Amino acid sequence: MITCYLRYVIDPYRLDQFEHYAKMWIPLVEKFGGRHHGYFLPSEGANNVALALFSFPSLAAYETYRADSMKDSDCQAAFRYAEETRCIVSYERSFMRPVLA
């Protein structure tokens, strides 16, 4: 299993738009065989950092999801929404291997 860790720098004045964007992606990741662990929005501390975690069975499965998402109309709508609202300033993606009991 591989878990994708996304760290977003967001516009704190567009938090509602970012939350809408997040809610768009949760079912899309699951549509392509992933397991979404949620988005984590600012509460206390930094007001411009948000996180997301989701897993796929393997890095190959994740890469298939990425390729397929580029051809999916719902995914493209989510990408466009983020561009139009400019709720995301930047993001970085890392991959982790979970250690479970």
N, C-alpha and C. Protein backbone atom coordinates (compact mmCIF):
# COMPACT_ATOMS: atom_id res chain seq x y z
N MET A 1 0.85 -1.17 0.00
CA MET A 1 0.00 0.00 0.00
C MET A 1 0.89 1.24 0.00
N ILE A 2 0.43 2.27 -0.71
CA ILE A 2 1.13 3.55 -0.75
C ILE A 2 0.13 4.64 -0.39
N THR A 3 0.55 5.56 0.47
CA THR A 3 -0.32 6.67 0.87
C THR A 3 0.26 7.96 0.33
N CYS A 4 -0.59 8.71 -0.35
CA CYS A 4 -0.21 10.01 -0.87
C CYS A 4 -0.54 11.06 0.19
N TYR A 5 0.46 11.86 0.52
CA TYR A 5 0.33 12.95 1.48
C TYR A 5 0.43 14.24 0.67
N LEU A 6 -0.64 15.02 0.68
CA LEU A 6 -0.65 16.29 -0.03
C LEU A 6 -0.68 17.42 0.99
N ARG A 7 0.25 18.33 0.87
CA ARG A 7 0.28 19.53 1.72
C ARG A 7 -0.01 20.72 0.81
N TYR A 8 -1.11 21.39 1.10
CA TYR A 8 -1.55 22.54 0.31
C TYR A 8 -1.25 23.83 1.05
N VAL A 9 -0.82 24.83 0.31
CA VAL A 9 -0.86 26.20 0.78
C VAL A 9 -2.09 26.79 0.10
N ILE A 10 -3.03 27.24 0.92
CA ILE A 10 -4.31 27.71 0.40
C ILE A 10 -4.48 29.20 0.69
N ASP A 11 -5.41 29.81 -0.01
CA ASP A 11 -5.78 31.18 0.27
C ASP A 11 -6.76 31.15 1.44
N PRO A 12 -6.39 31.68 2.61
CA PRO A 12 -7.28 31.57 3.76
C PRO A 12 -8.60 32.32 3.58
N TYR A 13 -8.66 33.23 2.63
CA TYR A 13 -9.90 33.94 2.35
C TYR A 13 -10.80 33.16 1.40
N ARG A 14 -10.29 32.02 0.92
CA ARG A 14 -11.08 31.16 0.03
C ARG A 14 -11.22 29.75 0.62
N LEU A 15 -11.27 29.69 1.94
CA LEU A 15 -11.37 28.40 2.63
C LEU A 15 -12.65 27.66 2.24
N ASP A 16 -13.76 28.35 2.09
CA ASP A 16 -15.01 27.69 1.69
C ASP A 16 -14.87 27.05 0.30
N GLN A 17 -14.19 27.73 -0.60
CA GLN A 17 -13.98 27.18 -1.94
C GLN A 17 -13.06 25.96 -1.89
N PHE A 18 -12.03 26.04 -1.05
CA PHE A 18 -11.14 24.89 -0.92
C PHE A 18 -11.88 23.70 -0.33
N GLU A 19 -12.73 23.93 0.66
CA GLU A 19 -13.49 22.83 1.25
C GLU A 19 -14.41 22.19 0.21
N HIS A 20 -15.01 23.00 -0.65
CA HIS A 20 -15.83 22.46 -1.74
C HIS A 20 -14.98 21.60 -2.68
N TYR A 21 -13.80 22.10 -3.03
CA TYR A 21 -12.87 21.36 -3.87
C TYR A 21 -12.53 20.01 -3.22
N ALA A 22 -12.23 20.02 -1.93
CA ALA A 22 -11.89 18.80 -1.21
C ALA A 22 -13.03 17.79 -1.29
N LYS A 23 -14.24 18.26 -1.09
CA LYS A 23 -15.41 17.37 -1.13
C LYS A 23 -15.63 16.80 -2.53
N MET A 24 -15.17 17.51 -3.56
CA MET A 24 -15.27 16.99 -4.93
C MET A 24 -14.33 15.80 -5.11
N TRP A 25 -13.13 15.86 -4.52
CA TRP A 25 -12.10 14.85 -4.77
C TRP A 25 -12.27 13.56 -3.99
N ILE A 26 -12.87 13.61 -2.82
CA ILE A 26 -12.98 12.39 -2.01
C ILE A 26 -13.65 11.26 -2.79
N PRO A 27 -14.82 11.46 -3.37
CA PRO A 27 -15.43 10.35 -4.13
C PRO A 27 -14.68 10.02 -5.42
N LEU A 28 -13.97 10.98 -5.98
CA LEU A 28 -13.24 10.71 -7.21
C LEU A 28 -12.07 9.77 -6.97
N VAL A 29 -11.35 9.95 -5.88
CA VAL A 29 -10.26 9.03 -5.55
C VAL A 29 -10.83 7.63 -5.37
N GLU A 30 -11.95 7.54 -4.68
CA GLU A 30 -12.55 6.22 -4.42
C GLU A 30 -13.11 5.61 -5.71
N LYS A 31 -13.58 6.44 -6.63
CA LYS A 31 -14.07 5.97 -7.93
C LYS A 31 -12.97 5.22 -8.69
N PHE A 32 -11.73 5.63 -8.48
CA PHE A 32 -10.61 5.03 -9.20
C PHE A 32 -9.85 4.00 -8.36
N GLY A 33 -10.49 3.50 -7.30
CA GLY A 33 -9.91 2.40 -6.54
C GLY A 33 -9.06 2.78 -5.35
N GLY A 34 -9.01 4.07 -5.02
CA GLY A 34 -8.26 4.51 -3.86
C GLY A 34 -9.12 4.56 -2.62
N ARG A 35 -8.47 4.79 -1.52
CA ARG A 35 -9.17 4.98 -0.24
C ARG A 35 -8.77 6.36 0.28
N HIS A 36 -9.75 7.25 0.36
CA HIS A 36 -9.47 8.60 0.84
C HIS A 36 -9.57 8.63 2.35
N HIS A 37 -8.58 9.23 2.99
CA HIS A 37 -8.56 9.33 4.45
C HIS A 37 -8.98 10.72 4.92
N GLY A 38 -9.32 11.57 3.99
CA GLY A 38 -9.86 12.88 4.32
C GLY A 38 -8.93 14.04 4.04
N TYR A 39 -9.53 15.21 4.08
CA TYR A 39 -8.81 16.47 4.02
C TYR A 39 -8.80 17.04 5.42
N PHE A 40 -7.78 17.78 5.74
CA PHE A 40 -7.62 18.36 7.06
C PHE A 40 -7.40 19.86 6.86
N LEU A 41 -8.38 20.65 7.32
CA LEU A 41 -8.38 22.08 7.08
C LEU A 41 -7.88 22.83 8.30
N PRO A 42 -7.42 24.07 8.12
CA PRO A 42 -6.91 24.85 9.24
C PRO A 42 -7.96 25.03 10.34
N SER A 43 -7.49 24.96 11.56
CA SER A 43 -8.36 25.21 12.71
C SER A 43 -7.64 26.17 13.66
N GLU A 44 -6.55 25.72 14.23
CA GLU A 44 -5.69 26.57 15.07
C GLU A 44 -4.31 26.59 14.42
N GLY A 45 -3.57 27.63 14.65
CA GLY A 45 -2.24 27.71 14.05
C GLY A 45 -2.31 28.33 12.67
N ALA A 46 -1.47 27.85 11.77
CA ALA A 46 -1.41 28.40 10.41
C ALA A 46 -2.79 28.35 9.76
N ASN A 47 -3.20 29.45 9.14
CA ASN A 47 -4.53 29.50 8.52
C ASN A 47 -4.48 29.25 7.02
N ASN A 48 -3.30 28.90 6.51
CA ASN A 48 -3.17 28.73 5.06
C ASN A 48 -2.58 27.37 4.66
N VAL A 49 -2.65 26.40 5.56
CA VAL A 49 -2.13 25.06 5.27
C VAL A 49 -3.25 24.05 5.45
N ALA A 50 -3.42 23.20 4.44
CA ALA A 50 -4.39 22.10 4.50
C ALA A 50 -3.67 20.83 4.06
N LEU A 51 -4.17 19.70 4.50
CA LEU A 51 -3.56 18.41 4.17
C LEU A 51 -4.62 17.47 3.60
N ALA A 52 -4.16 16.49 2.83
CA ALA A 52 -5.02 15.40 2.36
C ALA A 52 -4.20 14.12 2.38
N LEU A 53 -4.86 13.03 2.68
CA LEU A 53 -4.24 11.70 2.69
C LEU A 53 -5.15 10.73 1.97
N PHE A 54 -4.57 9.97 1.05
CA PHE A 54 -5.33 8.89 0.42
C PHE A 54 -4.36 7.79 0.01
N SER A 55 -4.89 6.57 -0.07
CA SER A 55 -4.04 5.41 -0.34
C SER A 55 -4.52 4.64 -1.56
N PHE A 56 -3.56 3.98 -2.19
CA PHE A 56 -3.81 3.03 -3.27
C PHE A 56 -3.04 1.75 -2.94
N PRO A 57 -3.46 0.63 -3.51
CA PRO A 57 -2.77 -0.63 -3.21
C PRO A 57 -1.29 -0.63 -3.56
N SER A 58 -0.90 0.18 -4.55
CA SER A 58 0.49 0.21 -4.99
C SER A 58 0.76 1.54 -5.70
N LEU A 59 2.04 1.84 -5.91
CA LEU A 59 2.38 3.03 -6.68
C LEU A 59 1.89 2.90 -8.11
N ALA A 60 1.93 1.70 -8.66
CA ALA A 60 1.42 1.48 -10.02
C ALA A 60 -0.07 1.80 -10.10
N ALA A 61 -0.84 1.40 -9.08
CA ALA A 61 -2.29 1.71 -9.05
C ALA A 61 -2.50 3.22 -8.96
N TYR A 62 -1.68 3.89 -8.18
CA TYR A 62 -1.76 5.36 -8.10
C TYR A 62 -1.47 5.99 -9.46
N GLU A 63 -0.44 5.50 -10.13
CA GLU A 63 -0.08 6.06 -11.44
C GLU A 63 -1.20 5.83 -12.46
N THR A 64 -1.88 4.71 -12.38
CA THR A 64 -3.03 4.46 -13.25
C THR A 64 -4.14 5.46 -12.95
N TYR A 65 -4.40 5.69 -11.67
CA TYR A 65 -5.40 6.69 -11.26
C TYR A 65 -5.05 8.06 -11.83
N ARG A 66 -3.79 8.47 -11.71
CA ARG A 66 -3.38 9.78 -12.22
C ARG A 66 -3.63 9.88 -13.72
N ALA A 67 -3.27 8.84 -14.47
CA ALA A 67 -3.48 8.86 -15.91
C ALA A 67 -4.96 8.88 -16.25
N ASP A 68 -5.74 8.06 -15.57
CA ASP A 68 -7.18 7.99 -15.84
C ASP A 68 -7.89 9.27 -15.43
N SER A 69 -7.42 9.92 -14.37
CA SER A 69 -8.07 11.15 -13.91
C SER A 69 -7.92 12.28 -14.93
N MET A 70 -6.87 12.22 -15.72
CA MET A 70 -6.66 13.25 -16.75
C MET A 70 -7.67 13.15 -17.88
N LYS A 71 -8.35 11.99 -17.99
CA LYS A 71 -9.33 11.77 -19.05
C LYS A 71 -10.77 11.79 -18.52
N ASP A 72 -10.94 11.94 -17.21
CA ASP A 72 -12.26 11.86 -16.58
C ASP A 72 -12.89 13.25 -16.48
N SER A 73 -14.13 13.38 -16.92
CA SER A 73 -14.78 14.70 -16.94
C SER A 73 -15.01 15.26 -15.53
N ASP A 74 -15.33 14.41 -14.56
CA ASP A 74 -15.53 14.90 -13.19
C ASP A 74 -14.22 15.40 -12.58
N CYS A 75 -13.14 14.70 -12.85
CA CYS A 75 -11.82 15.14 -12.37
C CYS A 75 -11.42 16.44 -13.03
N GLN A 76 -11.67 16.54 -14.32
CA GLN A 76 -11.33 17.77 -15.02
C GLN A 76 -12.14 18.95 -14.49
N ALA A 77 -13.40 18.70 -14.11
CA ALA A 77 -14.23 19.76 -13.52
C ALA A 77 -13.64 20.22 -12.18
N ALA A 78 -13.13 19.29 -11.39
CA ALA A 78 -12.51 19.64 -10.11
C ALA A 78 -11.24 20.47 -10.33
N PHE A 79 -10.42 20.06 -11.29
CA PHE A 79 -9.22 20.83 -11.62
C PHE A 79 -9.59 22.27 -12.04
N ARG A 80 -10.62 22.38 -12.91
CA ARG A 80 -11.06 23.70 -13.37
C ARG A 80 -11.57 24.55 -12.21
N TYR A 81 -12.33 23.92 -11.30
CA TYR A 81 -12.87 24.65 -10.16
C TYR A 81 -11.73 25.28 -9.34
N ALA A 82 -10.68 24.52 -9.09
CA ALA A 82 -9.55 25.05 -8.32
C ALA A 82 -8.89 26.21 -9.07
N GLU A 83 -8.75 26.08 -10.38
CA GLU A 83 -8.16 27.16 -11.18
C GLU A 83 -9.03 28.41 -11.15
N GLU A 84 -10.34 28.23 -11.32
CA GLU A 84 -11.25 29.37 -11.37
C GLU A 84 -11.35 30.09 -10.04
N THR A 85 -11.37 29.36 -8.94
CA THR A 85 -11.51 29.98 -7.62
C THR A 85 -10.18 30.42 -7.04
N ARG A 86 -9.08 29.88 -7.55
CA ARG A 86 -7.73 30.21 -7.08
C ARG A 86 -7.60 29.99 -5.57
N CYS A 87 -8.25 28.93 -5.09
CA CYS A 87 -8.21 28.62 -3.65
C CYS A 87 -6.90 27.94 -3.25
N ILE A 88 -6.18 27.37 -4.22
CA ILE A 88 -4.91 26.71 -3.95
C ILE A 88 -3.78 27.60 -4.45
N VAL A 89 -2.86 27.93 -3.54
CA VAL A 89 -1.69 28.72 -3.91
C VAL A 89 -0.60 27.80 -4.45
N SER A 90 -0.36 26.69 -3.74
CA SER A 90 0.62 25.70 -4.17
C SER A 90 0.37 24.41 -3.40
N TYR A 91 1.03 23.34 -3.85
CA TYR A 91 0.93 22.08 -3.12
C TYR A 91 2.17 21.26 -3.36
N GLU A 92 2.40 20.33 -2.46
CA GLU A 92 3.49 19.37 -2.62
C GLU A 92 2.96 17.99 -2.31
N ARG A 93 3.48 17.02 -2.99
CA ARG A 93 3.00 15.63 -2.88
C ARG A 93 4.16 14.75 -2.44
N SER A 94 3.89 13.92 -1.43
CA SER A 94 4.87 12.93 -0.98
C SER A 94 4.15 11.58 -0.88
N PHE A 95 4.92 10.52 -0.92
CA PHE A 95 4.36 9.17 -0.82
C PHE A 95 4.94 8.50 0.40
N MET A 96 4.07 7.88 1.14
CA MET A 96 4.45 7.20 2.39
C MET A 96 4.01 5.75 2.33
N ARG A 97 4.71 4.93 3.07
CA ARG A 97 4.35 3.52 3.23
C ARG A 97 3.88 3.35 4.66
N PRO A 98 2.57 3.10 4.85
CA PRO A 98 2.07 3.00 6.22
C PRO A 98 2.56 1.75 6.93
N VAL A 99 2.74 1.87 8.23
CA VAL A 99 3.05 0.73 9.10
C VAL A 99 1.81 0.51 9.94
N LEU A 100 1.18 -0.64 9.75
CA LEU A 100 -0.06 -0.96 10.43
C LEU A 100 0.16 -2.17 11.34
N ALA A 101 -0.70 -2.29 12.33
CA ALA A 101 -0.58 -3.41 13.27
C ALA A 101 -0.77 -4.75 12.59
